[in-house]
C-alpha atoms as a PDB file:
ATOM      1  CA  UNK A   1     108.355 165.394  73.372  1.00  0.00           C
ATOM      2  CA  UNK A   2     108.552 163.239  76.512  1.00  0.00           C
ATOM      3  CA  UNK A   3     111.377 160.795  77.288  1.00  0.00           C
ATOM      4  CA  UNK A   4     112.720 158.983  80.332  1.00  0.00           C
ATOM      5  CA  UNK A   5     114.955 161.325  82.323  1.00  0.00           C
ATOM      6  CA  UNK A   6     118.679 161.013  81.696  1.00  0.00           C
ATOM      7  CA  UNK A   7     121.124 159.619  84.264  1.00  0.00           C
ATOM      8  CA  UNK A   8     124.307 161.643  84.774  1.00  0.00           C
ATOM      9  CA  UNK A   9     127.690 160.396  85.962  1.00  0.00           C
ATOM     10  CA  UNK A  10     130.065 162.474  88.079  1.00  0.00           C
ATOM     11  CA  UNK A  11     133.361 161.873  89.838  1.00  0.00           C
ATOM     12  CA  UNK A  12     133.222 163.854  93.088  1.00  0.00           C
ATOM     13  CA  UNK A  13     136.570 165.133  94.336  1.00  0.00           C
ATOM     14  CA  UNK A  14     135.557 167.807  96.849  1.00  0.00           C
ATOM     15  CA  UNK A  15     132.558 168.656  99.026  1.00  0.00           C
ATOM     16  CA  UNK A  16     131.735 171.857  97.141  1.00  0.00           C
ATOM     17  CA  UNK A  17     131.617 170.329  93.662  1.00  0.00           C
ATOM     18  CA  UNK A  18     128.543 171.281  91.665  1.00  0.00           C
ATOM     19  CA  UNK A  19     126.023 168.535  90.951  1.00  0.00           C
ATOM     20  CA  UNK A  20     124.095 168.312  87.687  1.00  0.00           C
ATOM     21  CA  UNK A  21     120.629 169.836  87.719  1.00  0.00           C
ATOM     22  CA  UNK A  22     117.103 168.551  86.992  1.00  0.00           C
ATOM     23  CA  UNK A  23     116.796 171.620  84.739  1.00  0.00           C
ATOM     24  CA  UNK A  24     119.173 169.845  82.353  1.00  0.00           C
ATOM     25  CA  UNK A  25     116.842 166.856  81.971  1.00  0.00           C
ATOM     26  CA  UNK A  26     118.583 164.605  84.485  1.00  0.00           C
ATOM     27  CA  UNK A  27     116.526 162.542  86.914  1.00  0.00           C
ATOM     28  CA  UNK A  28     119.363 160.662  88.605  1.00  0.00           C
ATOM     29  CA  UNK A  29     123.122 160.858  88.968  1.00  0.00           C
ATOM     30  CA  UNK A  30     125.831 158.284  89.570  1.00  0.00           C
ATOM     31  CA  UNK A  31     128.330 159.679  92.055  1.00  0.00           C
ATOM     32  CA  UNK A  32     131.835 158.229  92.478  1.00  0.00           C
ATOM     33  CA  UNK A  33     134.134 159.309  95.305  1.00  0.00           C
ATOM     34  CA  UNK A  34     136.911 157.772  97.364  1.00  0.00           C
ATOM     35  CA  UNK A  35     135.940 159.704 100.501  1.00  0.00           C
ATOM     36  CA  UNK A  36     132.792 158.480 102.267  1.00  0.00           C
ATOM     37  CA  UNK A  37     131.884 161.867 103.763  1.00  0.00           C
ATOM     38  CA  UNK A  38     132.367 163.681 100.472  1.00  0.00           C
ATOM     39  CA  UNK A  39     130.220 161.062  98.751  1.00  0.00           C
ATOM     40  CA  UNK A  40     127.460 161.302 101.360  1.00  0.00           C
ATOM     41  CA  UNK A  41     127.446 165.097 101.138  1.00  0.00           C
ATOM     42  CA  UNK A  42     127.130 164.965  97.342  1.00  0.00           C
ATOM     43  CA  UNK A  43     124.332 162.385  97.553  1.00  0.00           C
ATOM     44  CA  UNK A  44     122.479 164.593 100.040  1.00  0.00           C
ATOM     45  CA  UNK A  45     122.759 167.625  97.761  1.00  0.00           C
ATOM     46  CA  UNK A  46     121.575 165.597  94.778  1.00  0.00           C
ATOM     47  CA  UNK A  47     118.599 164.289  96.746  1.00  0.00           C
ATOM     48  CA  UNK A  48     117.675 167.768  97.975  1.00  0.00           C
ATOM     49  CA  UNK A  49     117.478 168.941  94.349  1.00  0.00           C
ATOM     50  CA  UNK A  50     115.079 166.103  93.538  1.00  0.00           C
ATOM     51  CA  UNK A  51     117.578 163.838  91.775  1.00  0.00           C
ATOM     52  CA  UNK A  52     117.948 160.163  92.633  1.00  0.00           C
ATOM     53  CA  UNK A  53     121.534 159.720  93.873  1.00  0.00           C
ATOM     54  CA  UNK A  54     123.387 156.537  92.911  1.00  0.00           C
ATOM     55  CA  UNK A  55     126.517 156.750  95.098  1.00  0.00           C
ATOM     56  CA  UNK A  56     129.494 154.453  94.538  1.00  0.00           C
ATOM     57  CA  UNK A  57     132.252 154.490  97.140  1.00  0.00           C
ATOM     58  CA  UNK A  58     135.681 153.838  95.640  1.00  0.00           C
ATOM     59  CA  UNK A  59     137.320 151.775  98.369  1.00  0.00           C
ATOM     60  CA  UNK A  60     139.363 148.677  97.454  1.00  0.00           C
ATOM     61  CA  UNK A  61     139.012 145.648  99.715  1.00  0.00           C
ATOM     62  CA  UNK A  62     140.948 142.408  99.995  1.00  0.00           C
ATOM     63  CA  UNK A  63     138.537 140.306 102.057  1.00  0.00           C
ATOM     64  CA  UNK A  64     134.755 140.016 102.180  1.00  0.00           C
ATOM     65  CA  UNK A  65     134.970 140.404 105.959  1.00  0.00           C
ATOM     66  CA  UNK A  66     136.356 143.934 105.437  1.00  0.00           C
ATOM     67  CA  UNK A  67     133.222 145.171 103.691  1.00  0.00           C
ATOM     68  CA  UNK A  68     130.849 145.735 106.658  1.00  0.00           C
ATOM     69  CA  UNK A  69     133.325 148.185 108.227  1.00  0.00           C
ATOM     70  CA  UNK A  70     133.453 150.227 105.013  1.00  0.00           C
ATOM     71  CA  UNK A  71     129.801 151.283 105.404  1.00  0.00           C
ATOM     72  CA  UNK A  72     129.181 151.676 101.693  1.00  0.00           C
ATOM     73  CA  UNK A  73     125.910 153.497 100.922  1.00  0.00           C
ATOM     74  CA  UNK A  74     124.859 150.829  98.393  1.00  0.00           C
ATOM     75  CA  UNK A  75     125.835 147.193  97.690  1.00  0.00           C
ATOM     76  CA  UNK A  76     128.684 148.159  95.388  1.00  0.00           C
ATOM     77  CA  UNK A  77     132.314 149.116  95.909  1.00  0.00           C
ATOM     78  CA  UNK A  78     134.760 150.637  93.484  1.00  0.00           C
ATOM     79  CA  UNK A  79     138.449 150.090  92.934  1.00  0.00           C
ATOM     80  CA  UNK A  80     140.518 152.508  90.882  1.00  0.00           C
ATOM     81  CA  UNK A  81     143.196 150.970  88.709  1.00  0.00           C
ATOM     82  CA  UNK A  82     146.533 152.639  89.308  1.00  0.00           C
ATOM     83  CA  UNK A  83     148.323 152.972  85.935  1.00  0.00           C
ATOM     84  CA  UNK A  84     151.620 153.473  87.783  1.00  0.00           C
ATOM     85  CA  UNK A  85     151.475 149.946  89.206  1.00  0.00           C
ATOM     86  CA  UNK A  86     153.088 147.105  87.301  1.00  0.00           C
ATOM     87  CA  UNK A  87     150.893 144.482  85.691  1.00  0.00           C
ATOM     88  CA  UNK A  88     151.268 141.884  88.447  1.00  0.00           C
ATOM     89  CA  UNK A  89     150.341 144.369  91.179  1.00  0.00           C
ATOM     90  CA  UNK A  90     147.304 145.521  89.220  1.00  0.00           C
ATOM     91  CA  UNK A  91     146.105 141.949  88.714  1.00  0.00           C
ATOM     92  CA  UNK A  92     146.584 141.068  92.380  1.00  0.00           C
ATOM     93  CA  UNK A  93     144.667 144.125  93.665  1.00  0.00           C
ATOM     94  CA  UNK A  94     141.786 143.776  91.208  1.00  0.00           C
ATOM     95  CA  UNK A  95     141.473 140.014  91.775  1.00  0.00           C
ATOM     96  CA  UNK A  96     141.239 140.481  95.545  1.00  0.00           C
ATOM     97  CA  UNK A  97     138.573 143.166  95.132  1.00  0.00           C
ATOM     98  CA  UNK A  98     136.511 141.101  92.685  1.00  0.00           C
ATOM     99  CA  UNK A  99     136.617 138.029  94.909  1.00  0.00           C
ATOM    100  CA  UNK A 100     135.792 139.949  98.099  1.00  0.00           C
ATOM    101  CA  UNK A 101     132.859 141.796  96.499  1.00  0.00           C
ATOM    102  CA  UNK A 102     131.525 138.603  94.918  1.00  0.00           C
ATOM    103  CA  UNK A 103     131.644 136.715  98.204  1.00  0.00           C
ATOM    104  CA  UNK A 104     129.820 139.578  99.958  1.00  0.00           C
ATOM    105  CA  UNK A 105     127.240 139.724  97.134  1.00  0.00           C
ATOM    106  CA  UNK A 106     128.406 143.198  96.193  1.00  0.00           C
ATOM    107  CA  UNK A 107     128.909 144.640  92.743  1.00  0.00           C
ATOM    108  CA  UNK A 108     132.530 145.545  92.018  1.00  0.00           C
ATOM    109  CA  UNK A 109     133.040 148.730  90.000  1.00  0.00           C
ATOM    110  CA  UNK A 110     136.484 148.876  88.393  1.00  0.00           C
ATOM    111  CA  UNK A 111     137.351 152.490  87.591  1.00  0.00           C
ATOM    112  CA  UNK A 112     139.869 153.028  84.807  1.00  0.00           C
ATOM    113  CA  UNK A 113     138.964 156.514  83.555  1.00  0.00           C
ATOM    114  CA  UNK A 114     142.416 157.981  84.037  1.00  0.00           C
ATOM    115  CA  UNK A 115     144.377 155.042  82.720  1.00  0.00           C
ATOM    116  CA  UNK A 116     147.354 155.469  80.398  1.00  0.00           C
ATOM    117  CA  UNK A 117     146.651 154.469  76.803  1.00  0.00           C
ATOM    118  CA  UNK A 118     149.514 152.955  74.862  1.00  0.00           C
ATOM    119  CA  UNK A 119     150.291 154.278  71.384  1.00  0.00           C
ATOM    120  CA  UNK A 120     151.662 152.435  68.417  1.00  0.00           C
ATOM    121  CA  UNK A 121     154.359 153.671  66.058  1.00  0.00           C
ATOM    122  CA  UNK A 122     151.803 155.782  64.156  1.00  0.00           C
ATOM    123  CA  UNK A 123     150.862 157.614  67.339  1.00  0.00           C
ATOM    124  CA  UNK A 124     147.337 156.178  67.315  1.00  0.00           C
ATOM    125  CA  UNK A 125     145.758 154.779  70.457  1.00  0.00           C
ATOM    126  CA  UNK A 126     145.904 151.045  71.097  1.00  0.00           C
ATOM    127  CA  UNK A 127     144.151 149.021  73.828  1.00  0.00           C
ATOM    128  CA  UNK A 128     145.670 149.721  77.212  1.00  0.00           C
ATOM    129  CA  UNK A 129     147.380 146.914  79.064  1.00  0.00           C
ATOM    130  CA  UNK A 130     145.224 147.968  82.018  1.00  0.00           C
ATOM    131  CA  UNK A 131     142.281 146.213  80.373  1.00  0.00           C
ATOM    132  CA  UNK A 132     144.387 143.061  80.065  1.00  0.00           C
ATOM    133  CA  UNK A 133     145.106 143.264  83.795  1.00  0.00           C
ATOM    134  CA  UNK A 134     141.376 143.600  84.559  1.00  0.00           C
ATOM    135  CA  UNK A 135     140.493 140.660  82.334  1.00  0.00           C
ATOM    136  CA  UNK A 136     143.233 138.510  83.848  1.00  0.00           C
ATOM    137  CA  UNK A 137     141.920 139.387  87.301  1.00  0.00           C
ATOM    138  CA  UNK A 138     138.378 138.503  86.212  1.00  0.00           C
ATOM    139  CA  UNK A 139     139.565 135.092  85.050  1.00  0.00           C
ATOM    140  CA  UNK A 140     141.414 134.463  88.322  1.00  0.00           C
ATOM    141  CA  UNK A 141     138.328 135.488  90.298  1.00  0.00           C
ATOM    142  CA  UNK A 142     136.221 133.171  88.164  1.00  0.00           C
ATOM    143  CA  UNK A 143     138.628 130.304  88.827  1.00  0.00           C
ATOM    144  CA  UNK A 144     138.365 130.988  92.566  1.00  0.00           C
ATOM    145  CA  UNK A 145     134.602 131.471  92.813  1.00  0.00           C
ATOM    146  CA  UNK A 146     133.203 129.502  89.915  1.00  0.00           C
ATOM    147  CA  UNK A 147     131.709 130.949  86.765  1.00  0.00           C
ATOM    148  CA  UNK A 148     128.139 131.221  88.016  1.00  0.00           C
ATOM    149  CA  UNK A 149     129.037 132.997  91.260  1.00  0.00           C
ATOM    150  CA  UNK A 150     131.267 135.512  89.485  1.00  0.00           C
ATOM    151  CA  UNK A 151     128.968 136.288  86.557  1.00  0.00           C
ATOM    152  CA  UNK A 152     125.897 136.789  88.738  1.00  0.00           C
ATOM    153  CA  UNK A 153     127.272 139.852  90.527  1.00  0.00           C
ATOM    154  CA  UNK A 154     127.045 142.199  87.543  1.00  0.00           C
ATOM    155  CA  UNK A 155     130.522 143.676  87.932  1.00  0.00           C
ATOM    156  CA  UNK A 156     131.278 146.825  85.923  1.00  0.00           C
ATOM    157  CA  UNK A 157     134.148 148.676  84.280  1.00  0.00           C
ATOM    158  CA  UNK A 158     133.839 152.475  84.281  1.00  0.00           C
ATOM    159  CA  UNK A 159     135.798 154.790  81.994  1.00  0.00           C
ATOM    160  CA  UNK A 160     136.661 152.242  79.313  1.00  0.00           C
ATOM    161  CA  UNK A 161     138.367 153.493  76.163  1.00  0.00           C
ATOM    162  CA  UNK A 162     139.866 151.669  73.184  1.00  0.00           C
ATOM    163  CA  UNK A 163     139.508 147.874  73.111  1.00  0.00           C
ATOM    164  CA  UNK A 164     140.493 145.071  70.791  1.00  0.00           C
ATOM    165  CA  UNK A 165     137.913 142.609  69.486  1.00  0.00           C
ATOM    166  CA  UNK A 166     139.455 139.928  71.697  1.00  0.00           C
ATOM    167  CA  UNK A 167     139.081 142.122  74.777  1.00  0.00           C
ATOM    168  CA  UNK A 168     135.444 142.841  73.926  1.00  0.00           C
ATOM    169  CA  UNK A 169     134.761 139.117  73.610  1.00  0.00           C
ATOM    170  CA  UNK A 170     136.495 138.436  76.930  1.00  0.00           C
ATOM    171  CA  UNK A 171     134.363 141.091  78.648  1.00  0.00           C
ATOM    172  CA  UNK A 172     131.268 139.298  77.373  1.00  0.00           C
ATOM    173  CA  UNK A 173     132.507 135.879  78.560  1.00  0.00           C
ATOM    174  CA  UNK A 174     132.938 137.251  82.079  1.00  0.00           C
ATOM    175  CA  UNK A 175     129.551 139.058  82.025  1.00  0.00           C
ATOM    176  CA  UNK A 176     131.229 142.402  82.645  1.00  0.00           C
ATOM    177  CA  UNK A 177     129.391 145.564  81.642  1.00  0.00           C
ATOM    178  CA  UNK A 178     131.125 148.678  80.359  1.00  0.00           C
ATOM    179  CA  UNK A 179     130.588 152.391  80.979  1.00  0.00           C
ATOM    180  CA  UNK A 180     132.315 154.757  78.596  1.00  0.00           C
ATOM    181  CA  UNK A 181     132.302 158.370  77.564  1.00  0.00           C
ATOM    182  CA  UNK A 182     130.733 158.988  74.125  1.00  0.00           C
ATOM    183  CA  UNK A 183     133.248 158.493  71.339  1.00  0.00           C
ATOM    184  CA  UNK A 184     135.825 156.769  73.549  1.00  0.00           C
ATOM    185  CA  UNK A 185     135.114 153.045  73.103  1.00  0.00           C
ATOM    186  CA  UNK A 186     134.425 150.748  70.126  1.00  0.00           C
ATOM    187  CA  UNK A 187     130.655 150.494  70.571  1.00  0.00           C
ATOM    188  CA  UNK A 188     130.272 148.404  67.417  1.00  0.00           C
ATOM    189  CA  UNK A 189     132.587 145.639  68.670  1.00  0.00           C
ATOM    190  CA  UNK A 190     131.057 145.724  72.163  1.00  0.00           C
ATOM    191  CA  UNK A 191     127.536 145.401  70.748  1.00  0.00           C
ATOM    192  CA  UNK A 192     128.624 142.576  68.455  1.00  0.00           C
ATOM    193  CA  UNK A 193     130.135 140.726  71.423  1.00  0.00           C
ATOM    194  CA  UNK A 194     127.023 141.234  73.558  1.00  0.00           C
ATOM    195  CA  UNK A 195     128.610 143.450  76.208  1.00  0.00           C
ATOM    196  CA  UNK A 196     126.089 145.711  78.008  1.00  0.00           C
ATOM    197  CA  UNK A 197     127.195 149.322  77.506  1.00  0.00           C
ATOM    198  CA  UNK A 198     126.233 152.522  79.267  1.00  0.00           C
ATOM    199  CA  UNK A 199     127.435 155.987  78.372  1.00  0.00           C
ATOM    200  CA  UNK A 200     128.581 158.439  81.030  1.00  0.00           C
ATOM    201  CA  UNK A 201     128.204 162.210  80.905  1.00  0.00           C
ATOM    202  CA  UNK A 202     127.689 165.281  83.035  1.00  0.00           C
ATOM    203  CA  UNK A 203     127.199 167.566  80.043  1.00  0.00           C
ATOM    204  CA  UNK A 204     125.107 170.711  80.473  1.00  0.00           C
ATOM    205  CA  UNK A 205     122.748 169.220  77.901  1.00  0.00           C
ATOM    206  CA  UNK A 206     122.678 165.390  77.864  1.00  0.00           C
ATOM    207  CA  UNK A 207     121.617 165.373  74.219  1.00  0.00           C
ATOM    208  CA  UNK A 208     125.168 166.518  73.479  1.00  0.00           C
ATOM    209  CA  UNK A 209     126.364 163.099  74.681  1.00  0.00           C
ATOM    210  CA  UNK A 210     123.916 161.408  72.295  1.00  0.00           C
ATOM    211  CA  UNK A 211     125.172 163.615  69.473  1.00  0.00           C
ATOM    212  CA  UNK A 212     128.818 162.860  70.350  1.00  0.00           C
ATOM    213  CA  UNK A 213     128.152 159.107  70.169  1.00  0.00           C
ATOM    214  CA  UNK A 214     126.275 159.497  66.892  1.00  0.00           C
ATOM    215  CA  UNK A 215     129.021 161.575  65.291  1.00  0.00           C
ATOM    216  CA  UNK A 216     132.172 160.107  66.887  1.00  0.00           C
ATOM    217  CA  UNK A 217     135.306 160.709  64.842  1.00  0.00           C
ATOM    218  CA  UNK A 218     136.215 157.001  64.744  1.00  0.00           C
ATOM    219  CA  UNK A 219     133.504 155.054  62.828  1.00  0.00           C
ATOM    220  CA  UNK A 220     133.755 152.019  65.132  1.00  0.00           C
ATOM    221  CA  UNK A 221     132.987 154.283  68.121  1.00  0.00           C
ATOM    222  CA  UNK A 222     129.701 155.513  66.645  1.00  0.00           C
ATOM    223  CA  UNK A 223     126.237 154.252  67.388  1.00  0.00           C
ATOM    224  CA  UNK A 224     122.706 155.276  66.537  1.00  0.00           C
ATOM    225  CA  UNK A 225     120.988 158.083  68.399  1.00  0.00           C
ATOM    226  CA  UNK A 226     118.508 155.633  69.870  1.00  0.00           C
ATOM    227  CA  UNK A 227     121.215 153.233  71.116  1.00  0.00           C
ATOM    228  CA  UNK A 228     123.110 156.147  72.673  1.00  0.00           C
ATOM    229  CA  UNK A 229     119.933 157.479  74.289  1.00  0.00           C
ATOM    230  CA  UNK A 230     119.133 154.063  75.796  1.00  0.00           C
ATOM    231  CA  UNK A 231     122.707 153.800  77.078  1.00  0.00           C
ATOM    232  CA  UNK A 232     122.171 157.080  78.963  1.00  0.00           C
ATOM    233  CA  UNK A 233     118.787 156.136  80.424  1.00  0.00           C
ATOM    234  CA  UNK A 234     117.524 152.560  80.655  1.00  0.00           C
ATOM    235  CA  UNK A 235     120.988 151.068  80.275  1.00  0.00           C
ATOM    236  CA  UNK A 236     122.383 152.937  83.282  1.00  0.00           C
ATOM    237  CA  UNK A 237     119.559 151.686  85.493  1.00  0.00           C
ATOM    238  CA  UNK A 238     120.086 148.108  84.309  1.00  0.00           C
ATOM    239  CA  UNK A 239     123.735 148.392  85.354  1.00  0.00           C
ATOM    240  CA  UNK A 240     122.622 149.048  88.957  1.00  0.00           C
ATOM    241  CA  UNK A 241     122.095 145.885  90.986  1.00  0.00           C
ATOM    242  CA  UNK A 242     119.531 147.529  93.265  1.00  0.00           C
ATOM    243  CA  UNK A 243     117.351 149.262  90.640  1.00  0.00           C
ATOM    244  CA  UNK A 244     113.709 148.565  89.858  1.00  0.00           C
ATOM    245  CA  UNK A 245     113.272 146.352  86.746  1.00  0.00           C
ATOM    246  CA  UNK A 246     111.426 149.032  84.737  1.00  0.00           C
ATOM    247  CA  UNK A 247     113.589 151.990  85.791  1.00  0.00           C
ATOM    248  CA  UNK A 248     114.539 154.281  82.925  1.00  0.00           C
ATOM    249  CA  UNK A 249     111.505 153.379  80.837  1.00  0.00           C
ATOM    250  CA  UNK A 250     108.122 154.897  80.049  1.00  0.00           C
ATOM    251  CA  UNK A 251     106.004 151.806  80.573  1.00  0.00           C
ATOM    252  CA  UNK A 252     102.991 150.625  82.578  1.00  0.00           C
ATOM    253  CA  UNK A 253     104.115 149.861  86.115  1.00  0.00           C
ATOM    254  CA  UNK A 254     107.275 151.975  85.873  1.00  0.00           C
ATOM    255  CA  UNK A 255     107.884 154.897  88.206  1.00  0.00           C
ATOM    256  CA  UNK A 256     107.113 158.192  86.480  1.00  0.00           C
ATOM    257  CA  UNK A 257     110.593 159.635  85.960  1.00  0.00           C
ATOM    258  CA  UNK A 258     110.656 161.644  82.753  1.00  0.00           C
ATOM    259  CA  UNK A 259     111.672 164.825  81.014  1.00  0.00           C
ATOM    260  CA  UNK A 260     109.698 167.023  78.646  1.00  0.00           C
ATOM    261  CA  UNK A 261     111.666 168.589  75.795  1.00  0.00           C
ATOM    262  CA  UNK A 262     111.250 171.402  73.325  1.00  0.00           C
ATOM    263  CA  UNK A 263     112.724 169.925  70.148  1.00  0.00           C
ATOM    264  CA  UNK A 264     112.810 171.386  66.643  1.00  0.00           C
ATOM    265  CA  UNK A 265     112.054 168.109  64.857  1.00  0.00           C
ATOM    266  CA  UNK A 266     112.028 164.342  65.366  1.00  0.00           C
ATOM    267  CA  UNK A 267     113.564 161.540  63.333  1.00  0.00           C
ATOM    268  CA  UNK A 268     115.221 158.097  63.512  1.00  0.00           C
ATOM    269  CA  UNK A 269     118.984 158.644  63.186  1.00  0.00           C
ATOM    270  CA  UNK A 270     121.577 156.016  62.378  1.00  0.00           C
ATOM    271  CA  UNK A 271     125.288 156.737  62.694  1.00  0.00           C
ATOM    272  CA  UNK A 272     127.088 157.155  59.390  1.00  0.00           C
ATOM    273  CA  UNK A 273     129.021 154.070  58.393  1.00  0.00           C
ATOM    274  CA  UNK A 274     127.160 151.695  60.722  1.00  0.00           C
ATOM    275  CA  UNK A 275     124.420 149.191  59.996  1.00  0.00           C
ATOM    276  CA  UNK A 276     120.884 149.950  61.172  1.00  0.00           C
ATOM    277  CA  UNK A 277     119.819 148.102  64.314  1.00  0.00           C
ATOM    278  CA  UNK A 278     116.175 148.890  63.551  1.00  0.00           C
ATOM    279  CA  UNK A 279     114.242 150.213  60.614  1.00  0.00           C
ATOM    280  CA  UNK A 280     114.465 153.895  59.743  1.00  0.00           C
ATOM    281  CA  UNK A 281     111.380 153.545  57.538  1.00  0.00           C
ATOM    282  CA  UNK A 282     108.539 155.637  59.033  1.00  0.00           C
ATOM    283  CA  UNK A 283     106.143 152.744  58.385  1.00  0.00           C
ATOM    284  CA  UNK A 284     108.035 150.651  60.956  1.00  0.00           C
ATOM    285  CA  UNK A 285     106.974 153.131  63.680  1.00  0.00           C
ATOM    286  CA  UNK A 286     110.370 153.074  65.347  1.00  0.00           C
ATOM    287  CA  UNK A 287     110.155 155.735  68.096  1.00  0.00           C
ATOM    288  CA  UNK A 288     111.702 158.977  66.864  1.00  0.00           C
ATOM    289  CA  UNK A 289     114.066 161.179  68.858  1.00  0.00           C
ATOM    290  CA  UNK A 290     115.079 164.823  68.436  1.00  0.00           C
ATOM    291  CA  UNK A 291     116.972 165.477  65.219  1.00  0.00           C
ATOM    292  CA  UNK A 292     120.551 166.107  66.344  1.00  0.00           C
ATOM    293  CA  UNK A 293     121.796 167.474  63.038  1.00  0.00           C
ATOM    294  CA  UNK A 294     120.009 170.663  64.049  1.00  0.00           C
ATOM    295  CA  UNK A 295     122.368 173.213  65.674  1.00  0.00           C
ATOM    296  CA  UNK A 296     119.826 173.792  68.439  1.00  0.00           C
ATOM    297  CA  UNK A 297     119.764 170.922  70.932  1.00  0.00           C
ATOM    298  CA  UNK A 298     116.481 170.085  72.697  1.00  0.00           C
ATOM    299  CA  UNK A 299     115.698 172.231  75.730  1.00  0.00           C
ATOM    300  CA  UNK A 300     114.320 170.690  78.921  1.00  0.00           C
ATOM    301  CA  UNK A 301     110.971 172.179  79.967  1.00  0.00           C
ATOM    302  CA  UNK A 302     110.026 169.891  82.852  1.00  0.00           C
ATOM    303  CA  UNK A 303     111.563 167.030  84.831  1.00  0.00           C
ATOM    304  CA  UNK A 304     109.569 164.542  86.879  1.00  0.00           C
ATOM    305  CA  UNK A 305     111.080 161.985  89.274  1.00  0.00           C
ATOM    306  CA  UNK A 306     108.967 159.289  90.900  1.00  0.00           C
ATOM    307  CA  UNK A 307     105.837 161.242  90.035  1.00  0.00           C
ATOM    308  CA  UNK A 308     107.085 164.506  91.532  1.00  0.00           C
ATOM    309  CA  UNK A 309     107.780 167.564  89.404  1.00  0.00           C
ATOM    310  CA  UNK A 310     111.313 168.660  90.343  1.00  0.00           C
ATOM    311  CA  UNK A 311     111.804 171.225  87.576  1.00  0.00           C
ATOM    312  CA  UNK A 312     109.521 173.292  85.337  1.00  0.00           C
END
């Protein structure tokens, strides 16, 4: 079968770190690093392999006038939330970054992958206060800039985990999108609130990420195979402010970026315990995807990016 190529997500910490491969069915890769040279080196290596690099420099700023000197490779800048900071310090740093990026017409990417998750008396995870700090900062930035100016920048949160319903609704009010690892965030509540969600993975086989989202241990963290697949392809491109409108799709006028797969069988799969977002009746002609209840995941046979074969 043929699908849009997957988009990987990697945090780059050193210049020799291995980048995902087109042989795995990836056509692009988001790269996050807090060192500009390390990020540029990783982007170069990704490009040389045929992948489309989507570099994000993690570099907090306090003023829009600081941004030109940063020399970010794309119109986006990340800030990593420090869980060791107290709440007030977190809010102040994130607010300054959001305001500065908004004024410079940049997308702010708030990274909270390594945040500390609180636990209740049962030992189960509860929403981190870090998310409350981010949402408070978003409200302060909105008060400073105005709702329209803030919402139009498409700011993102990367590495989101557990959330309350109220936090999901607040994310939607501030037009913030969310990137999460499969099985980590309450996808049902986020979808109900209207929050755009992308999934992040650098798995050897990206279909494993789809399977993990489909079969997440917590029912509220599950989603259908098709929703998970879209969140790893089209959804990632829509989260980029500088992407082509049809990126991540197989459609007339879209750039030919696709992967060919050897799959055992195809079907429409809905996560257990969740309502169907589309019909699973074959007569509805909902596009089928590889059956992920099979122990053998699909194998990539060819990857094409922008019309060029980069793996076969």
